[in-house]
């Protein structure tokens, strides 16, 4: 569950943050498709954006989890890993 120092590992944070990050990816995809209409592209439906956010949310979630882990380490006064 936690490491030897009592900190949450990045993978566990990623599992916890996935629903929120995937929702943010879906919203951004939808808004990007709406902006694409200005150059002649068709807008994506909200349902299509929800389906696309499932795989696209994984790398975004990993980046967010690493960022949050770094913020937690900084708040606890831990040195960042080399």
PDB file of N, CA and C in Angstrom:
ATOM      1  N   UNK A   1       0.819  -1.190   0.000  1.00  0.00           N
ATOM      2  CA  UNK A   1       0.000   0.000   0.000  1.00  0.00           C
ATOM      3  C   UNK A   1       0.863   1.254   0.000  1.00  0.00           C
ATOM      4  N   UNK A   2       1.638   1.446   1.025  1.00  0.00           N
ATOM      5  CA  UNK A   2       2.522   2.599   1.091  1.00  0.00           C
ATOM      6  C   UNK A   2       3.957   2.100   1.132  1.00  0.00           C
ATOM      7  N   UNK A   3       4.905   2.994   0.832  1.00  0.00           N
ATOM      8  CA  UNK A   3       6.299   2.575   0.863  1.00  0.00           C
ATOM      9  C   UNK A   3       6.829   2.617   2.293  1.00  0.00           C
ATOM     10  N   UNK A   4       8.135   2.406   2.439  1.00  0.00           N
ATOM     11  CA  UNK A   4       8.728   2.314   3.775  1.00  0.00           C
ATOM     12  C   UNK A   4       8.603   3.611   4.563  1.00  0.00           C
ATOM     13  N   UNK A   5       8.499   4.733   3.857  1.00  0.00           N
ATOM     14  CA  UNK A   5       8.395   6.027   4.528  1.00  0.00           C
ATOM     15  C   UNK A   5       6.944   6.454   4.754  1.00  0.00           C
ATOM     16  N   UNK A   6       5.999   5.607   4.407  1.00  0.00           N
ATOM     17  CA  UNK A   6       4.589   5.912   4.610  1.00  0.00           C
ATOM     18  C   UNK A   6       3.984   6.786   3.521  1.00  0.00           C
ATOM     19  N   UNK A   7       4.663   6.865   2.370  1.00  0.00           N
ATOM     20  CA  UNK A   7       4.160   7.696   1.274  1.00  0.00           C
ATOM     21  C   UNK A   7       3.351   6.853   0.292  1.00  0.00           C
ATOM     22  N   UNK A   8       2.393   7.481  -0.384  1.00  0.00           N
ATOM     23  CA  UNK A   8       1.606   6.794  -1.396  1.00  0.00           C
ATOM     24  C   UNK A   8       2.448   6.653  -2.656  1.00  0.00           C
ATOM     25  N   UNK A   9       2.492   5.474  -3.269  1.00  0.00           N
ATOM     26  CA  UNK A   9       3.217   5.332  -4.531  1.00  0.00           C
ATOM     27  C   UNK A   9       2.447   5.992  -5.681  1.00  0.00           C
ATOM     28  N   UNK A  10       3.177   6.289  -6.741  1.00  0.00           N
ATOM     29  CA  UNK A  10       2.587   6.972  -7.897  1.00  0.00           C
ATOM     30  C   UNK A  10       1.457   6.152  -8.516  1.00  0.00           C
ATOM     31  N   UNK A  11       1.617   4.845  -8.578  1.00  0.00           N
ATOM     32  CA  UNK A  11       0.574   3.988  -9.162  1.00  0.00           C
ATOM     33  C   UNK A  11      -0.737   4.066  -8.404  1.00  0.00           C
ATOM     34  N   UNK A  12      -0.663   4.088  -7.092  1.00  0.00           N
ATOM     35  CA  UNK A  12      -1.874   4.178  -6.280  1.00  0.00           C
ATOM     36  C   UNK A  12      -2.537   5.551  -6.466  1.00  0.00           C
ATOM     37  N   UNK A  13      -1.713   6.599  -6.552  1.00  0.00           N
ATOM     38  CA  UNK A  13      -2.265   7.926  -6.822  1.00  0.00           C
ATOM     39  C   UNK A  13      -2.928   7.967  -8.195  1.00  0.00           C
ATOM     40  N   UNK A  14      -2.318   7.294  -9.172  1.00  0.00           N
ATOM     41  CA  UNK A  14      -2.882   7.271 -10.524  1.00  0.00           C
ATOM     42  C   UNK A  14      -4.253   6.610 -10.543  1.00  0.00           C
ATOM     43  N   UNK A  15      -4.404   5.510  -9.815  1.00  0.00           N
ATOM     44  CA  UNK A  15      -5.706   4.836  -9.751  1.00  0.00           C
ATOM     45  C   UNK A  15      -6.752   5.750  -9.124  1.00  0.00           C
ATOM     46  N   UNK A  16      -6.359   6.463  -8.098  1.00  0.00           N
ATOM     47  CA  UNK A  16      -7.276   7.373  -7.417  1.00  0.00           C
ATOM     48  C   UNK A  16      -7.662   8.565  -8.299  1.00  0.00           C
ATOM     49  N   UNK A  17      -6.717   9.070  -9.074  1.00  0.00           N
ATOM     50  CA  UNK A  17      -6.946  10.284  -9.865  1.00  0.00           C
ATOM     51  C   UNK A  17      -7.502  10.023 -11.266  1.00  0.00           C
ATOM     52  N   UNK A  18      -7.534   8.764 -11.720  1.00  0.00           N
ATOM     53  CA  UNK A  18      -7.956   8.470 -13.086  1.00  0.00           C
ATOM     54  C   UNK A  18      -9.342   9.019 -13.452  1.00  0.00           C
ATOM     55  N   UNK A  19     -10.381   8.841 -12.637  1.00  0.00           N
ATOM     56  CA  UNK A  19     -11.695   9.364 -13.050  1.00  0.00           C
ATOM     57  C   UNK A  19     -11.691  10.884 -13.280  1.00  0.00           C
ATOM     58  N   UNK A  20     -10.966  11.599 -12.449  1.00  0.00           N
ATOM     59  CA  UNK A  20     -10.943  13.055 -12.573  1.00  0.00           C
ATOM     60  C   UNK A  20     -10.126  13.494 -13.788  1.00  0.00           C
ATOM     61  N   UNK A  21      -9.007  12.836 -14.010  1.00  0.00           N
ATOM     62  CA  UNK A  21      -8.164  13.186 -15.150  1.00  0.00           C
ATOM     63  C   UNK A  21      -8.844  12.796 -16.458  1.00  0.00           C
ATOM     64  N   UNK A  22      -9.472  11.642 -16.501  1.00  0.00           N
ATOM     65  CA  UNK A  22     -10.168  11.220 -17.719  1.00  0.00           C
ATOM     66  C   UNK A  22     -11.325  12.164 -18.031  1.00  0.00           C
ATOM     67  N   UNK A  23     -12.020  12.640 -17.016  1.00  0.00           N
ATOM     68  CA  UNK A  23     -13.099  13.608 -17.245  1.00  0.00           C
ATOM     69  C   UNK A  23     -12.546  14.917 -17.790  1.00  0.00           C
ATOM     70  N   UNK A  24     -11.404  15.354 -17.281  1.00  0.00           N
ATOM     71  CA  UNK A  24     -10.787  16.574 -17.789  1.00  0.00           C
ATOM     72  C   UNK A  24     -10.348  16.398 -19.241  1.00  0.00           C
ATOM     73  N   UNK A  25      -9.839  15.222 -19.582  1.00  0.00           N
ATOM     74  CA  UNK A  25      -9.452  14.942 -20.968  1.00  0.00           C
ATOM     75  C   UNK A  25     -10.684  14.981 -21.862  1.00  0.00           C
ATOM     76  N   UNK A  26     -11.794  14.412 -21.427  1.00  0.00           N
ATOM     77  CA  UNK A  26     -13.022  14.410 -22.223  1.00  0.00           C
ATOM     78  C   UNK A  26     -13.523  15.832 -22.472  1.00  0.00           C
ATOM     79  N   UNK A  27     -13.505  16.648 -21.450  1.00  0.00           N
ATOM     80  CA  UNK A  27     -13.951  18.042 -21.598  1.00  0.00           C
ATOM     81  C   UNK A  27     -13.045  18.782 -22.561  1.00  0.00           C
ATOM     82  N   UNK A  28     -11.729  18.592 -22.420  1.00  0.00           N
ATOM     83  CA  UNK A  28     -10.796  19.275 -23.315  1.00  0.00           C
ATOM     84  C   UNK A  28     -10.933  18.799 -24.751  1.00  0.00           C
ATOM     85  N   UNK A  29     -11.160  17.506 -24.963  1.00  0.00           N
ATOM     86  CA  UNK A  29     -11.387  17.005 -26.322  1.00  0.00           C
ATOM     87  C   UNK A  29     -12.637  17.633 -26.936  1.00  0.00           C
ATOM     88  N   UNK A  30     -13.696  17.704 -26.162  1.00  0.00           N
ATOM     89  CA  UNK A  30     -14.938  18.272 -26.679  1.00  0.00           C
ATOM     90  C   UNK A  30     -14.759  19.749 -27.034  1.00  0.00           C
ATOM     91  N   UNK A  31     -14.127  20.504 -26.145  1.00  0.00           N
ATOM     92  CA  UNK A  31     -13.917  21.926 -26.423  1.00  0.00           C
ATOM     93  C   UNK A  31     -12.962  22.134 -27.592  1.00  0.00           C
ATOM     94  N   UNK A  32     -11.955  21.292 -27.717  1.00  0.00           N
ATOM     95  CA  UNK A  32     -11.042  21.381 -28.850  1.00  0.00           C
ATOM     96  C   UNK A  32     -11.776  21.099 -30.163  1.00  0.00           C
ATOM     97  N   UNK A  33     -12.694  20.125 -30.136  1.00  0.00           N
ATOM     98  CA  UNK A  33     -13.448  19.832 -31.355  1.00  0.00           C
ATOM     99  C   UNK A  33     -14.391  20.979 -31.698  1.00  0.00           C
ATOM    100  N   UNK A  34     -14.908  21.672 -30.684  1.00  0.00           N
ATOM    101  CA  UNK A  34     -15.739  22.842 -30.969  1.00  0.00           C
ATOM    102  C   UNK A  34     -14.917  23.968 -31.590  1.00  0.00           C
ATOM    103  N   UNK A  35     -13.693  24.144 -31.098  1.00  0.00           N
ATOM    104  CA  UNK A  35     -12.824  25.163 -31.697  1.00  0.00           C
ATOM    105  C   UNK A  35     -12.408  24.767 -33.105  1.00  0.00           C
ATOM    106  N   UNK A  36     -12.329  23.468 -33.377  1.00  0.00           N
ATOM    107  CA  UNK A  36     -11.981  22.995 -34.710  1.00  0.00           C
ATOM    108  C   UNK A  36     -13.014  23.347 -35.759  1.00  0.00           C
ATOM    109  N   UNK A  37     -14.229  23.662 -35.346  1.00  0.00           N
ATOM    110  CA  UNK A  37     -15.257  24.062 -36.300  1.00  0.00           C
ATOM    111  C   UNK A  37     -14.890  25.364 -37.001  1.00  0.00           C
ATOM    112  N   UNK A  38     -14.066  26.185 -36.376  1.00  0.00           N
ATOM    113  CA  UNK A  38     -13.656  27.457 -36.980  1.00  0.00           C
ATOM    114  C   UNK A  38     -12.816  27.232 -38.224  1.00  0.00           C
ATOM    115  N   UNK A  39     -12.153  26.073 -38.322  1.00  0.00           N
ATOM    116  CA  UNK A  39     -11.345  25.799 -39.511  1.00  0.00           C
ATOM    117  C   UNK A  39     -11.955  24.704 -40.381  1.00  0.00           C
ATOM    118  N   UNK A  40     -13.223  24.409 -40.147  1.00  0.00           N
ATOM    119  CA  UNK A  40     -13.945  23.491 -41.011  1.00  0.00           C
ATOM    120  C   UNK A  40     -14.024  22.055 -40.551  1.00  0.00           C
ATOM    121  N   UNK A  41     -13.516  21.734 -39.397  1.00  0.00           N
ATOM    122  CA  UNK A  41     -13.634  20.370 -38.885  1.00  0.00           C
ATOM    123  C   UNK A  41     -15.000  20.173 -38.245  1.00  0.00           C
ATOM    124  N   UNK A  42     -15.441  18.951 -38.173  1.00  0.00           N
ATOM    125  CA  UNK A  42     -16.721  18.691 -37.519  1.00  0.00           C
ATOM    126  C   UNK A  42     -16.501  18.481 -36.020  1.00  0.00           C
ATOM    127  N   UNK A  43     -17.502  18.836 -35.244  1.00  0.00           N
ATOM    128  CA  UNK A  43     -17.404  18.690 -33.789  1.00  0.00           C
ATOM    129  C   UNK A  43     -17.655  17.239 -33.400  1.00  0.00           C
ATOM    130  N   UNK A  44     -16.967  16.794 -32.358  1.00  0.00           N
ATOM    131  CA  UNK A  44     -17.183  15.458 -31.812  1.00  0.00           C
ATOM    132  C   UNK A  44     -18.376  15.500 -30.861  1.00  0.00           C
ATOM    133  N   UNK A  45     -19.108  14.416 -30.812  1.00  0.00           N
ATOM    134  CA  UNK A  45     -20.211  14.348 -29.858  1.00  0.00           C
ATOM    135  C   UNK A  45     -19.644  14.133 -28.450  1.00  0.00           C
ATOM    136  N   UNK A  46     -20.396  14.528 -27.427  1.00  0.00           N
ATOM    137  CA  UNK A  46     -19.918  14.271 -26.060  1.00  0.00           C
ATOM    138  C   UNK A  46     -19.670  12.784 -25.783  1.00  0.00           C
ATOM    139  N   UNK A  47     -20.505  11.917 -26.356  1.00  0.00           N
ATOM    140  CA  UNK A  47     -20.317  10.475 -26.148  1.00  0.00           C
ATOM    141  C   UNK A  47     -19.017   9.991 -26.784  1.00  0.00           C
ATOM    142  N   UNK A  48     -18.687  10.498 -27.960  1.00  0.00           N
ATOM    143  CA  UNK A  48     -17.426  10.133 -28.610  1.00  0.00           C
ATOM    144  C   UNK A  48     -16.240  10.595 -27.776  1.00  0.00           C
ATOM    145  N   UNK A  49     -16.346  11.788 -27.219  1.00  0.00           N
ATOM    146  CA  UNK A  49     -15.264  12.299 -26.365  1.00  0.00           C
ATOM    147  C   UNK A  49     -15.093  11.442 -25.123  1.00  0.00           C
ATOM    148  N   UNK A  50     -16.194  10.947 -24.569  1.00  0.00           N
ATOM    149  CA  UNK A  50     -16.102  10.065 -23.403  1.00  0.00           C
ATOM    150  C   UNK A  50     -15.410   8.753 -23.752  1.00  0.00           C
ATOM    151  N   UNK A  51     -15.692   8.213 -24.930  1.00  0.00           N
ATOM    152  CA  UNK A  51     -15.035   6.971 -25.340  1.00  0.00           C
ATOM    153  C   UNK A  51     -13.555   7.204 -25.626  1.00  0.00           C
ATOM    154  N   UNK A  52     -13.234   8.347 -26.223  1.00  0.00           N
ATOM    155  CA  UNK A  52     -11.832   8.631 -26.533  1.00  0.00           C
ATOM    156  C   UNK A  52     -11.010   8.943 -25.284  1.00  0.00           C
ATOM    157  N   UNK A  53     -11.659   9.451 -24.256  1.00  0.00           N
ATOM    158  CA  UNK A  53     -10.908   9.817 -23.053  1.00  0.00           C
ATOM    159  C   UNK A  53     -10.455   8.593 -22.261  1.00  0.00           C
ATOM    160  N   UNK A  54     -11.073   7.442 -22.473  1.00  0.00           N
ATOM    161  CA  UNK A  54     -10.680   6.248 -21.714  1.00  0.00           C
ATOM    162  C   UNK A  54      -9.225   5.865 -21.970  1.00  0.00           C
ATOM    163  N   UNK A  55      -8.782   5.711 -23.234  1.00  0.00           N
ATOM    164  CA  UNK A  55      -7.355   5.412 -23.437  1.00  0.00           C
ATOM    165  C   UNK A  55      -6.468   6.648 -23.304  1.00  0.00           C
ATOM    166  N   UNK A  56      -6.965   7.813 -23.716  1.00  0.00           N
ATOM    167  CA  UNK A  56      -6.142   9.023 -23.654  1.00  0.00           C
ATOM    168  C   UNK A  56      -5.959   9.517 -22.229  1.00  0.00           C
ATOM    169  N   UNK A  57      -6.812   9.085 -21.318  1.00  0.00           N
ATOM    170  CA  UNK A  57      -6.693   9.491 -19.928  1.00  0.00           C
ATOM    171  C   UNK A  57      -5.559   8.803 -19.189  1.00  0.00           C
ATOM    172  N   UNK A  58      -5.085   7.672 -19.707  1.00  0.00           N
ATOM    173  CA  UNK A  58      -4.021   6.930 -19.022  1.00  0.00           C
ATOM    174  C   UNK A  58      -2.696   7.699 -18.956  1.00  0.00           C
ATOM    175  N   UNK A  59      -2.153   8.180 -20.083  1.00  0.00           N
ATOM    176  CA  UNK A  59      -0.897   8.931 -19.960  1.00  0.00           C
ATOM    177  C   UNK A  59      -1.079  10.250 -19.215  1.00  0.00           C
ATOM    178  N   UNK A  60      -2.229  10.871 -19.376  1.00  0.00           N
ATOM    179  CA  UNK A  60      -2.490  12.111 -18.646  1.00  0.00           C
ATOM    180  C   UNK A  60      -2.552  11.851 -17.147  1.00  0.00           C
ATOM    181  N   UNK A  61      -3.157  10.746 -16.766  1.00  0.00           N
ATOM    182  CA  UNK A  61      -3.250  10.398 -15.348  1.00  0.00           C
ATOM    183  C   UNK A  61      -1.872  10.112 -14.765  1.00  0.00           C
ATOM    184  N   UNK A  62      -1.021   9.420 -15.525  1.00  0.00           N
ATOM    185  CA  UNK A  62       0.317   9.125 -15.027  1.00  0.00           C
ATOM    186  C   UNK A  62       1.095  10.424 -14.793  1.00  0.00           C
ATOM    187  N   UNK A  63       0.968  11.385 -15.724  1.00  0.00           N
ATOM    188  CA  UNK A  63       1.653  12.672 -15.562  1.00  0.00           C
ATOM    189  C   UNK A  63       1.117  13.427 -14.343  1.00  0.00           C
ATOM    190  N   UNK A  64      -0.187  13.411 -14.156  1.00  0.00           N
ATOM    191  CA  UNK A  64      -0.782  14.100 -13.009  1.00  0.00           C
ATOM    192  C   UNK A  64      -0.359  13.432 -11.701  1.00  0.00           C
ATOM    193  N   UNK A  65      -0.319  12.110 -11.677  1.00  0.00           N
ATOM    194  CA  UNK A  65       0.075  11.396 -10.463  1.00  0.00           C
ATOM    195  C   UNK A  65       1.528  11.702 -10.093  1.00  0.00           C
ATOM    196  N   UNK A  66       2.405  11.766 -11.089  1.00  0.00           N
ATOM    197  CA  UNK A  66       3.810  12.114 -10.806  1.00  0.00           C
ATOM    198  C   UNK A  66       3.919  13.544 -10.296  1.00  0.00           C
ATOM    199  N   UNK A  67       3.131  14.437 -10.865  1.00  0.00           N
ATOM    200  CA  UNK A  67       3.140  15.828 -10.434  1.00  0.00           C
ATOM    201  C   UNK A  67       2.643  15.953  -8.980  1.00  0.00           C
ATOM    202  N   UNK A  68       1.535  15.277  -8.676  1.00  0.00           N
ATOM    203  CA  UNK A  68       0.978  15.313  -7.317  1.00  0.00           C
ATOM    204  C   UNK A  68       1.950  14.665  -6.335  1.00  0.00           C
ATOM    205  N   UNK A  69       2.596  13.547  -6.729  1.00  0.00           N
ATOM    206  CA  UNK A  69       3.576  12.911  -5.854  1.00  0.00           C
ATOM    207  C   UNK A  69       4.719  13.880  -5.524  1.00  0.00           C
ATOM    208  N   UNK A  70       5.160  14.638  -6.532  1.00  0.00           N
ATOM    209  CA  UNK A  70       6.208  15.632  -6.304  1.00  0.00           C
ATOM    210  C   UNK A  70       5.752  16.736  -5.370  1.00  0.00           C
ATOM    211  N   UNK A  71       4.511  17.182  -5.527  1.00  0.00           N
ATOM    212  CA  UNK A  71       3.982  18.208  -4.628  1.00  0.00           C
ATOM    213  C   UNK A  71       3.877  17.686  -3.197  1.00  0.00           C
ATOM    214  N   UNK A  72       3.460  16.424  -3.051  1.00  0.00           N
ATOM    215  CA  UNK A  72       3.354  15.833  -1.714  1.00  0.00           C
ATOM    216  C   UNK A  72       4.739  15.683  -1.074  1.00  0.00           C
ATOM    217  N   UNK A  73       5.726  15.282  -1.879  1.00  0.00           N
ATOM    218  CA  UNK A  73       7.087  15.167  -1.364  1.00  0.00           C
ATOM    219  C   UNK A  73       7.629  16.530  -0.942  1.00  0.00           C
ATOM    220  N   UNK A  74       7.366  17.533  -1.757  1.00  0.00           N
ATOM    221  CA  UNK A  74       7.821  18.887  -1.423  1.00  0.00           C
ATOM    222  C   UNK A  74       7.164  19.385  -0.145  1.00  0.00           C
ATOM    223  N   UNK A  75       5.887  19.109   0.021  1.00  0.00           N
ATOM    224  CA  UNK A  75       5.182  19.548   1.232  1.00  0.00           C
ATOM    225  C   UNK A  75       5.697  18.818   2.466  1.00  0.00           C
ATOM    226  N   UNK A  76       6.108  17.553   2.305  1.00  0.00           N
ATOM    227  CA  UNK A  76       6.638  16.786   3.434  1.00  0.00           C
ATOM    228  C   UNK A  76       8.116  17.043   3.693  1.00  0.00           C
ATOM    229  N   UNK A  77       8.759  17.773   2.805  1.00  0.00           N
ATOM    230  CA  UNK A  77      10.170  18.079   2.978  1.00  0.00           C
ATOM    231  C   UNK A  77      11.106  16.994   2.505  1.00  0.00           C
ATOM    232  N   UNK A  78      10.628  16.053   1.654  1.00  0.00           N
ATOM    233  CA  UNK A  78      11.460  14.993   1.114  1.00  0.00           C
ATOM    234  C   UNK A  78      12.262  15.526  -0.068  1.00  0.00           C
ATOM    235  N   UNK A  79      13.439  14.958  -0.283  1.00  0.00           N
ATOM    236  CA  UNK A  79      14.224  15.313  -1.458  1.00  0.00           C
ATOM    237  C   UNK A  79      13.612  14.628  -2.681  1.00  0.00           C
ATOM    238  N   UNK A  80      13.612  15.302  -3.842  1.00  0.00           N
ATOM    239  CA  UNK A  80      13.103  14.632  -5.042  1.00  0.00           C
ATOM    240  C   UNK A  80      14.067  13.529  -5.465  1.00  0.00           C
ATOM    241  N   UNK A  81      13.551  12.450  -6.068  1.00  0.00           N
ATOM    242  CA  UNK A  81      14.434  11.361  -6.508  1.00  0.00           C
ATOM    243  C   UNK A  81      15.320  11.830  -7.654  1.00  0.00           C
ATOM    244  N   UNK A  82      16.530  11.266  -7.723  1.00  0.00           N
ATOM    245  CA  UNK A  82      17.476  11.646  -8.790  1.00  0.00           C
ATOM    246  C   UNK A  82      17.150  10.968 -10.089  1.00  0.00           C
TER     247      UNK A  82
END
